[in-house]
Amino acid sequence: MESRAEIVIVGGGIGGMSLASALARDGKAVTVLEASSEYEDRVRGESLMPWGVAEAEVLGVLHTLLEADARISETWVHYDSLLAGFTQSPPP
């Protein structure tokens, strides 16, 4: 059986499946690739870096993400265990 997808998402976690769902509701042909055969109850991939947002715009899916309640942060807060604290920086 031959299958064609407009968009392939690697990772079927919360972020990947939420993105796939939003894109499918917007009429996109989506395929999700997931290595695990069982769902692991842990969060990973819950953010999109600035270059990912730019790429989503180029791909024409940024509007779909924003309509699905995605948010663009004005700042990025990062915890670095080597620095033993939080650092905050504006987006590039």
PDB file of N, CA and C in Angstrom:
ATOM      1  N   MET A   1       0.835  -1.174   0.000  1.00  0.00           N
ATOM      2  CA  MET A   1       0.000   0.000   0.000  1.00  0.00           C
ATOM      3  C   MET A   1       0.886   1.245   0.000  1.00  0.00           C
ATOM      4  N   GLU A   2       0.666   2.116  -0.933  1.00  0.00           N
ATOM      5  CA  GLU A   2       1.443   3.350  -1.027  1.00  0.00           C
ATOM      6  C   GLU A   2       0.736   4.457  -0.260  1.00  0.00           C
ATOM      7  N   SER A   3       1.520   5.229   0.476  1.00  0.00           N
ATOM      8  CA  SER A   3       0.974   6.325   1.256  1.00  0.00           C
ATOM      9  C   SER A   3       1.826   7.563   1.025  1.00  0.00           C
ATOM     10  N   ARG A   4       1.175   8.693   0.906  1.00  0.00           N
ATOM     11  CA  ARG A   4       1.895   9.954   0.737  1.00  0.00           C
ATOM     12  C   ARG A   4       1.460  10.924   1.828  1.00  0.00           C
ATOM     13  N   ALA A   5       2.440  11.619   2.368  1.00  0.00           N
ATOM     14  CA  ALA A   5       2.152  12.607   3.410  1.00  0.00           C
ATOM     15  C   ALA A   5       2.737  13.942   3.002  1.00  0.00           C
ATOM     16  N   GLU A   6       1.993  14.996   3.283  1.00  0.00           N
ATOM     17  CA  GLU A   6       2.533  16.341   3.075  1.00  0.00           C
ATOM     18  C   GLU A   6       3.545  16.660   4.158  1.00  0.00           C
ATOM     19  N   ILE A   7       3.278  16.142   5.377  1.00  0.00           N
ATOM     20  CA  ILE A   7       4.093  16.462   6.539  1.00  0.00           C
ATOM     21  C   ILE A   7       4.377  15.176   7.307  1.00  0.00           C
ATOM     22  N   VAL A   8       5.643  14.984   7.684  1.00  0.00           N
ATOM     23  CA  VAL A   8       6.034  13.856   8.520  1.00  0.00           C
ATOM     24  C   VAL A   8       6.538  14.410   9.838  1.00  0.00           C
ATOM     25  N   ILE A   9       5.978  13.922  10.930  1.00  0.00           N
ATOM     26  CA  ILE A   9       6.365  14.361  12.273  1.00  0.00           C
ATOM     27  C   ILE A   9       7.091  13.207  12.938  1.00  0.00           C
ATOM     28  N   VAL A  10       8.296  13.479  13.422  1.00  0.00           N
ATOM     29  CA  VAL A  10       9.078  12.459  14.110  1.00  0.00           C
ATOM     30  C   VAL A  10       8.837  12.621  15.604  1.00  0.00           C
ATOM     31  N   GLY A  11       8.186  11.654  16.183  1.00  0.00           N
ATOM     32  CA  GLY A  11       7.884  11.669  17.606  1.00  0.00           C
ATOM     33  C   GLY A  11       6.402  11.783  17.870  1.00  0.00           C
ATOM     34  N   GLY A  12       5.848  10.779  18.528  1.00  0.00           N
ATOM     35  CA  GLY A  12       4.422  10.743  18.817  1.00  0.00           C
ATOM     36  C   GLY A  12       4.090  11.085  20.250  1.00  0.00           C
ATOM     37  N   GLY A  13       4.887  11.940  20.863  1.00  0.00           N
ATOM     38  CA  GLY A  13       4.593  12.388  22.223  1.00  0.00           C
ATOM     39  C   GLY A  13       3.511  13.454  22.209  1.00  0.00           C
ATOM     40  N   ILE A  14       3.403  14.160  23.313  1.00  0.00           N
ATOM     41  CA  ILE A  14       2.369  15.191  23.440  1.00  0.00           C
ATOM     42  C   ILE A  14       2.506  16.242  22.340  1.00  0.00           C
ATOM     43  N   GLY A  15       3.732  16.741  22.139  1.00  0.00           N
ATOM     44  CA  GLY A  15       3.951  17.774  21.127  1.00  0.00           C
ATOM     45  C   GLY A  15       3.692  17.274  19.722  1.00  0.00           C
ATOM     46  N   GLY A  16       4.257  16.103  19.380  1.00  0.00           N
ATOM     47  CA  GLY A  16       4.099  15.553  18.036  1.00  0.00           C
ATOM     48  C   GLY A  16       2.659  15.235  17.692  1.00  0.00           C
ATOM     49  N   MET A  17       1.945  14.614  18.629  1.00  0.00           N
ATOM     50  CA  MET A  17       0.559  14.255  18.366  1.00  0.00           C
ATOM     51  C   MET A  17      -0.356  15.480  18.358  1.00  0.00           C
ATOM     52  N   SER A  18      -0.057  16.470  19.183  1.00  0.00           N
ATOM     53  CA  SER A  18      -0.847  17.708  19.158  1.00  0.00           C
ATOM     54  C   SER A  18      -0.664  18.421  17.830  1.00  0.00           C
ATOM     55  N   LEU A  19       0.587  18.483  17.381  1.00  0.00           N
ATOM     56  CA  LEU A  19       0.861  19.103  16.084  1.00  0.00           C
ATOM     57  C   LEU A  19       0.180  18.331  14.966  1.00  0.00           C
ATOM     58  N   ALA A  20       0.289  17.007  14.982  1.00  0.00           N
ATOM     59  CA  ALA A  20      -0.344  16.179  13.954  1.00  0.00           C
ATOM     60  C   ALA A  20      -1.853  16.380  13.930  1.00  0.00           C
ATOM     61  N   SER A  21      -2.452  16.435  15.104  1.00  0.00           N
ATOM     62  CA  SER A  21      -3.901  16.629  15.197  1.00  0.00           C
ATOM     63  C   SER A  21      -4.323  17.972  14.621  1.00  0.00           C
ATOM     64  N   ALA A  22      -3.603  19.032  14.996  1.00  0.00           N
ATOM     65  CA  ALA A  22      -3.940  20.372  14.494  1.00  0.00           C
ATOM     66  C   ALA A  22      -3.778  20.447  12.980  1.00  0.00           C
ATOM     67  N   LEU A  23      -2.695  19.870  12.461  1.00  0.00           N
ATOM     68  CA  LEU A  23      -2.460  19.908  11.016  1.00  0.00           C
ATOM     69  C   LEU A  23      -3.487  19.077  10.265  1.00  0.00           C
ATOM     70  N   ALA A  24      -3.849  17.904  10.808  1.00  0.00           N
ATOM     71  CA  ALA A  24      -4.857  17.054  10.164  1.00  0.00           C
ATOM     72  C   ALA A  24      -6.213  17.753  10.139  1.00  0.00           C
ATOM     73  N   ARG A  25      -6.567  18.427  11.237  1.00  0.00           N
ATOM     74  CA  ARG A  25      -7.834  19.173  11.268  1.00  0.00           C
ATOM     75  C   ARG A  25      -7.833  20.300  10.242  1.00  0.00           C
ATOM     76  N   ASP A  26      -6.639  20.784   9.891  1.00  0.00           N
ATOM     77  CA  ASP A  26      -6.508  21.844   8.897  1.00  0.00           C
ATOM     78  C   ASP A  26      -6.441  21.274   7.475  1.00  0.00           C
ATOM     79  N   GLY A  27      -6.617  19.954   7.350  1.00  0.00           N
ATOM     80  CA  GLY A  27      -6.676  19.334   6.033  1.00  0.00           C
ATOM     81  C   GLY A  27      -5.347  18.833   5.487  1.00  0.00           C
ATOM     82  N   LYS A  28      -4.297  18.825   6.294  1.00  0.00           N
ATOM     83  CA  LYS A  28      -2.991  18.347   5.842  1.00  0.00           C
ATOM     84  C   LYS A  28      -2.920  16.823   5.963  1.00  0.00           C
ATOM     85  N   ALA A  29      -2.198  16.182   5.052  1.00  0.00           N
ATOM     86  CA  ALA A  29      -1.933  14.747   5.121  1.00  0.00           C
ATOM     87  C   ALA A  29      -0.699  14.557   5.989  1.00  0.00           C
ATOM     88  N   VAL A  30      -0.882  13.980   7.177  1.00  0.00           N
ATOM     89  CA  VAL A  30       0.172  13.900   8.176  1.00  0.00           C
ATOM     90  C   VAL A  30       0.496  12.445   8.497  1.00  0.00           C
ATOM     91  N   THR A  31       1.795  12.152   8.625  1.00  0.00           N
ATOM     92  CA  THR A  31       2.265  10.856   9.104  1.00  0.00           C
ATOM     93  C   THR A  31       3.131  11.104  10.334  1.00  0.00           C
ATOM     94  N   VAL A  32       2.880  10.336  11.404  1.00  0.00           N
ATOM     95  CA  VAL A  32       3.664  10.443  12.635  1.00  0.00           C
ATOM     96  C   VAL A  32       4.521   9.193  12.761  1.00  0.00           C
ATOM     97  N   LEU A  33       5.825   9.384  12.956  1.00  0.00           N
ATOM     98  CA  LEU A  33       6.753   8.283  13.178  1.00  0.00           C
ATOM     99  C   LEU A  33       7.109   8.246  14.658  1.00  0.00           C
ATOM    100  N   GLU A  34       6.931   7.092  15.276  1.00  0.00           N
ATOM    101  CA  GLU A  34       7.221   6.940  16.701  1.00  0.00           C
ATOM    102  C   GLU A  34       7.978   5.642  16.915  1.00  0.00           C
ATOM    103  N   ALA A  35       9.093   5.705  17.654  1.00  0.00           N
ATOM    104  CA  ALA A  35       9.936   4.535  17.896  1.00  0.00           C
ATOM    105  C   ALA A  35       9.358   3.601  18.951  1.00  0.00           C
ATOM    106  N   SER A  36       8.624   4.155  19.912  1.00  0.00           N
ATOM    107  CA  SER A  36       8.102   3.350  21.018  1.00  0.00           C
ATOM    108  C   SER A  36       6.790   2.676  20.633  1.00  0.00           C
ATOM    109  N   SER A  37       6.613   1.459  21.111  1.00  0.00           N
ATOM    110  CA  SER A  37       5.346   0.767  20.871  1.00  0.00           C
ATOM    111  C   SER A  37       4.353   1.018  22.009  1.00  0.00           C
ATOM    112  N   GLU A  38       4.824   1.556  23.134  1.00  0.00           N
ATOM    113  CA  GLU A  38       3.959   1.888  24.261  1.00  0.00           C
ATOM    114  C   GLU A  38       4.145   3.357  24.622  1.00  0.00           C
ATOM    115  N   TYR A  39       3.060   3.995  25.035  1.00  0.00           N
ATOM    116  CA  TYR A  39       3.110   5.401  25.436  1.00  0.00           C
ATOM    117  C   TYR A  39       3.813   5.532  26.781  1.00  0.00           C
ATOM    118  N   GLU A  40       4.835   6.375  26.833  1.00  0.00           N
ATOM    119  CA  GLU A  40       5.522   6.679  28.082  1.00  0.00           C
ATOM    120  C   GLU A  40       4.971   7.989  28.606  1.00  0.00           C
ATOM    121  N   ASP A  41       4.459   7.974  29.807  1.00  0.00           N
ATOM    122  CA  ASP A  41       3.814   9.149  30.383  1.00  0.00           C
ATOM    123  C   ASP A  41       4.857  10.156  30.853  1.00  0.00           C
ATOM    124  N   ARG A  42       5.448  10.867  29.903  1.00  0.00           N
ATOM    125  CA  ARG A  42       6.390  11.929  30.241  1.00  0.00           C
ATOM    126  C   ARG A  42       6.358  12.984  29.146  1.00  0.00           C
ATOM    127  N   VAL A  43       6.610  14.214  29.532  1.00  0.00           N
ATOM    128  CA  VAL A  43       6.563  15.331  28.590  1.00  0.00           C
ATOM    129  C   VAL A  43       7.933  15.525  27.976  1.00  0.00           C
ATOM    130  N   ARG A  44       7.975  15.704  26.685  1.00  0.00           N
ATOM    131  CA  ARG A  44       9.212  16.016  25.972  1.00  0.00           C
ATOM    132  C   ARG A  44       8.810  16.681  24.662  1.00  0.00           C
ATOM    133  N   GLY A  45       9.634  17.586  24.198  1.00  0.00           N
ATOM    134  CA  GLY A  45       9.346  18.258  22.935  1.00  0.00           C
ATOM    135  C   GLY A  45       8.191  19.232  22.996  1.00  0.00           C
ATOM    136  N   GLU A  46       7.999  19.867  24.155  1.00  0.00           N
ATOM    137  CA  GLU A  46       6.848  20.732  24.311  1.00  0.00           C
ATOM    138  C   GLU A  46       7.092  22.164  23.855  1.00  0.00           C
ATOM    139  N   SER A  47       8.250  22.431  23.271  1.00  0.00           N
ATOM    140  CA  SER A  47       8.516  23.787  22.803  1.00  0.00           C
ATOM    141  C   SER A  47       9.118  23.748  21.396  1.00  0.00           C
ATOM    142  N   LEU A  48       8.977  24.863  20.719  1.00  0.00           N
ATOM    143  CA  LEU A  48       9.517  25.022  19.382  1.00  0.00           C
ATOM    144  C   LEU A  48      10.467  26.211  19.429  1.00  0.00           C
ATOM    145  N   MET A  49      11.702  25.988  19.069  1.00  0.00           N
ATOM    146  CA  MET A  49      12.705  27.049  19.114  1.00  0.00           C
ATOM    147  C   MET A  49      12.405  28.096  18.033  1.00  0.00           C
ATOM    148  N   PRO A  50      12.980  29.295  18.142  1.00  0.00           N
ATOM    149  CA  PRO A  50      12.681  30.355  17.181  1.00  0.00           C
ATOM    150  C   PRO A  50      12.875  29.942  15.721  1.00  0.00           C
ATOM    151  N   TRP A  51      13.914  29.170  15.439  1.00  0.00           N
ATOM    152  CA  TRP A  51      14.124  28.750  14.056  1.00  0.00           C
ATOM    153  C   TRP A  51      13.024  27.766  13.616  1.00  0.00           C
ATOM    154  N   GLY A  52      12.441  27.032  14.560  1.00  0.00           N
ATOM    155  CA  GLY A  52      11.325  26.152  14.242  1.00  0.00           C
ATOM    156  C   GLY A  52      10.069  26.941  13.910  1.00  0.00           C
ATOM    157  N   VAL A  53       9.866  28.052  14.625  1.00  0.00           N
ATOM    158  CA  VAL A  53       8.735  28.926  14.327  1.00  0.00           C
ATOM    159  C   VAL A  53       8.901  29.512  12.925  1.00  0.00           C
ATOM    160  N   ALA A  54      10.122  29.952  12.607  1.00  0.00           N
ATOM    161  CA  ALA A  54      10.392  30.498  11.268  1.00  0.00           C
ATOM    162  C   ALA A  54      10.135  29.438  10.197  1.00  0.00           C
ATOM    163  N   GLU A  55      10.558  28.206  10.461  1.00  0.00           N
ATOM    164  CA  GLU A  55      10.346  27.122   9.501  1.00  0.00           C
ATOM    165  C   GLU A  55       8.857  26.798   9.359  1.00  0.00           C
ATOM    166  N   ALA A  56       8.116  26.829  10.462  1.00  0.00           N
ATOM    167  CA  ALA A  56       6.671  26.592  10.403  1.00  0.00           C
ATOM    168  C   ALA A  56       6.001  27.642   9.526  1.00  0.00           C
ATOM    169  N   GLU A  57       6.502  28.872   9.601  1.00  0.00           N
ATOM    170  CA  GLU A  57       5.951  29.931   8.748  1.00  0.00           C
ATOM    171  C   GLU A  57       6.258  29.653   7.278  1.00  0.00           C
ATOM    172  N   VAL A  58       7.492  29.252   6.987  1.00  0.00           N
ATOM    173  CA  VAL A  58       7.888  28.929   5.610  1.00  0.00           C
ATOM    174  C   VAL A  58       7.038  27.771   5.060  1.00  0.00           C
ATOM    175  N   LEU A  59       6.774  26.768   5.923  1.00  0.00           N
ATOM    176  CA  LEU A  59       5.993  25.603   5.515  1.00  0.00           C
ATOM    177  C   LEU A  59       4.497  25.892   5.419  1.00  0.00           C
ATOM    178  N   GLY A  60       4.091  27.064   5.899  1.00  0.00           N
ATOM    179  CA  GLY A  60       2.686  27.445   5.821  1.00  0.00           C
ATOM    180  C   GLY A  60       1.813  26.849   6.911  1.00  0.00           C
ATOM    181  N   VAL A  61       2.411  26.430   8.037  1.00  0.00           N
ATOM    182  CA  VAL A  61       1.623  25.821   9.107  1.00  0.00           C
ATOM    183  C   VAL A  61       1.599  26.657  10.387  1.00  0.00           C
ATOM    184  N   LEU A  62       2.286  27.790  10.409  1.00  0.00           N
ATOM    185  CA  LEU A  62       2.321  28.618  11.617  1.00  0.00           C
ATOM    186  C   LEU A  62       0.927  29.087  12.001  1.00  0.00           C
ATOM    187  N   HIS A  63       0.137  29.499  11.022  1.00  0.00           N
ATOM    188  CA  HIS A  63      -1.222  29.960  11.296  1.00  0.00           C
ATOM    189  C   HIS A  63      -2.040  28.839  11.943  1.00  0.00           C
ATOM    190  N   THR A  64      -1.882  27.610  11.454  1.00  0.00           N
ATOM    191  CA  THR A  64      -2.593  26.463  12.035  1.00  0.00           C
ATOM    192  C   THR A  64      -2.181  26.256  13.480  1.00  0.00           C
ATOM    193  N   LEU A  65      -0.881  26.360  13.759  1.00  0.00           N
ATOM    194  CA  LEU A  65      -0.397  26.194  15.132  1.00  0.00           C
ATOM    195  C   LEU A  65      -0.971  27.261  16.056  1.00  0.00           C
ATOM    196  N   LEU A  66      -0.978  28.504  15.595  1.00  0.00           N
ATOM    197  CA  LEU A  66      -1.502  29.594  16.411  1.00  0.00           C
ATOM    198  C   LEU A  66      -3.006  29.435  16.638  1.00  0.00           C
ATOM    199  N   GLU A  67      -3.733  28.975  15.633  1.00  0.00           N
ATOM    200  CA  GLU A  67      -5.167  28.730  15.795  1.00  0.00           C
ATOM    201  C   GLU A  67      -5.427  27.575  16.761  1.00  0.00           C
ATOM    202  N   ALA A  68      -4.456  26.656  16.873  1.00  0.00           N
ATOM    203  CA  ALA A  68      -4.588  25.518  17.798  1.00  0.00           C
ATOM    204  C   ALA A  68      -4.132  25.909  19.205  1.00  0.00           C
ATOM    205  N   ASP A  69      -3.964  27.210  19.434  1.00  0.00           N
ATOM    206  CA  ASP A  69      -3.640  27.780  20.742  1.00  0.00           C
ATOM    207  C   ASP A  69      -2.156  27.741  21.092  1.00  0.00           C
ATOM    208  N   ALA A  70      -1.283  27.641  20.095  1.00  0.00           N
ATOM    209  CA  ALA A  70       0.155  27.773  20.351  1.00  0.00           C
ATOM    210  C   ALA A  70       0.427  29.213  20.784  1.00  0.00           C
ATOM    211  N   ARG A  71       1.459  29.390  21.558  1.00  0.00           N
ATOM    212  CA  ARG A  71       1.829  30.719  22.045  1.00  0.00           C
ATOM    213  C   ARG A  71       3.278  31.010  21.684  1.00  0.00           C
ATOM    214  N   ILE A  72       3.561  32.248  21.344  1.00  0.00           N
ATOM    215  CA  ILE A  72       4.929  32.680  21.075  1.00  0.00           C
ATOM    216  C   ILE A  72       5.415  33.437  22.300  1.00  0.00           C
ATOM    217  N   SER A  73       6.484  32.946  22.919  1.00  0.00           N
ATOM    218  CA  SER A  73       7.024  33.557  24.132  1.00  0.00           C
ATOM    219  C   SER A  73       7.904  34.742  23.789  1.00  0.00           C
ATOM    220  N   GLU A  74       7.811  35.756  24.607  1.00  0.00           N
ATOM    221  CA  GLU A  74       8.656  36.933  24.434  1.00  0.00           C
ATOM    222  C   GLU A  74      10.049  36.697  25.002  1.00  0.00           C
ATOM    223  N   THR A  75      10.155  35.793  25.978  1.00  0.00           N
ATOM    224  CA  THR A  75      11.451  35.478  26.573  1.00  0.00           C
ATOM    225  C   THR A  75      11.582  33.968  26.712  1.00  0.00           C
ATOM    226  N   TRP A  76      12.812  33.524  26.886  1.00  0.00           N
ATOM    227  CA  TRP A  76      13.115  32.106  27.061  1.00  0.00           C
ATOM    228  C   TRP A  76      13.805  31.959  28.409  1.00  0.00           C
ATOM    229  N   VAL A  77      13.232  31.170  29.302  1.00  0.00           N
ATOM    230  CA  VAL A  77      13.823  30.933  30.616  1.00  0.00           C
ATOM    231  C   VAL A  77      14.387  29.522  30.620  1.00  0.00           C
ATOM    232  N   HIS A  78      15.657  29.419  30.987  1.00  0.00           N
ATOM    233  CA  HIS A  78      16.363  28.139  30.918  1.00  0.00           C
ATOM    234  C   HIS A  78      17.023  27.849  32.253  1.00  0.00           C
ATOM    235  N   TYR A  79      16.859  26.625  32.731  1.00  0.00           N
ATOM    236  CA  TYR A  79      17.550  26.219  33.941  1.00  0.00           C
ATOM    237  C   TYR A  79      18.803  25.466  33.549  1.00  0.00           C
ATOM    238  N   ASP A  80      19.939  25.897  34.039  1.00  0.00           N
ATOM    239  CA  ASP A  80      21.217  25.259  33.740  1.00  0.00           C
ATOM    240  C   ASP A  80      21.796  24.717  35.043  1.00  0.00           C
ATOM    241  N   SER A  81      21.860  23.400  35.166  1.00  0.00           N
ATOM    242  CA  SER A  81      22.352  22.809  36.405  1.00  0.00           C
ATOM    243  C   SER A  81      23.818  23.141  36.667  1.00  0.00           C
ATOM    244  N   LEU A  82      24.567  23.418  35.603  1.00  0.00           N
ATOM    245  CA  LEU A  82      25.970  23.783  35.799  1.00  0.00           C
ATOM    246  C   LEU A  82      26.097  25.173  36.423  1.00  0.00           C
ATOM    247  N   LEU A  83      25.163  26.043  36.093  1.00  0.00           N
ATOM    248  CA  LEU A  83      25.151  27.378  36.682  1.00  0.00           C
ATOM    249  C   LEU A  83      24.354  27.411  37.964  1.00  0.00           C
ATOM    250  N   ALA A  84      23.636  26.325  38.229  1.00  0.00           N
ATOM    251  CA  ALA A  84      22.790  26.189  39.419  1.00  0.00           C
ATOM    252  C   ALA A  84      21.795  27.332  39.537  1.00  0.00           C
ATOM    253  N   GLY A  85      21.149  27.641  38.458  1.00  0.00           N
ATOM    254  CA  GLY A  85      20.133  28.682  38.508  1.00  0.00           C
ATOM    255  C   GLY A  85      19.486  28.902  37.154  1.00  0.00           C
ATOM    256  N   PHE A  86      18.639  29.909  37.118  1.00  0.00           N
ATOM    257  CA  PHE A  86      17.921  30.225  35.909  1.00  0.00           C
ATOM    258  C   PHE A  86      18.611  31.344  35.144  1.00  0.00           C
ATOM    259  N   THR A  87      18.553  31.262  33.848  1.00  0.00           N
ATOM    260  CA  THR A  87      18.993  32.357  32.991  1.00  0.00           C
ATOM    261  C   THR A  87      17.822  32.749  32.120  1.00  0.00           C
ATOM    262  N   GLN A  88      17.705  34.007  31.830  1.00  0.00           N
ATOM    263  CA  GLN A  88      16.615  34.478  30.991  1.00  0.00           C
ATOM    264  C   GLN A  88      17.213  35.302  29.867  1.00  0.00           C
ATOM    265  N   SER A  89      16.730  35.022  28.677  1.00  0.00           N
ATOM    266  CA  SER A  89      17.229  35.785  27.538  1.00  0.00           C
ATOM    267  C   SER A  89      16.080  36.095  26.601  1.00  0.00           C
ATOM    268  N   PRO A  90      16.176  37.230  25.919  1.00  0.00           N
ATOM    269  CA  PRO A  90      15.144  37.558  24.920  1.00  0.00           C
ATOM    270  C   PRO A  90      15.314  36.644  23.714  1.00  0.00           C
ATOM    271  N   PRO A  91      14.247  36.438  22.965  1.00  0.00           N
ATOM    272  CA  PRO A  91      14.389  35.602  21.771  1.00  0.00           C
ATOM    273  C   PRO A  91      15.298  36.262  20.754  1.00  0.00           C
ATOM    274  N   PRO A  92      15.968  35.453  19.942  1.00  0.00           N
ATOM    275  CA  PRO A  92      16.883  36.036  18.940  1.00  0.00           C
ATOM    276  C   PRO A  92      16.163  36.816  17.881  1.00  0.00           C
TER     277      PRO A  92
END
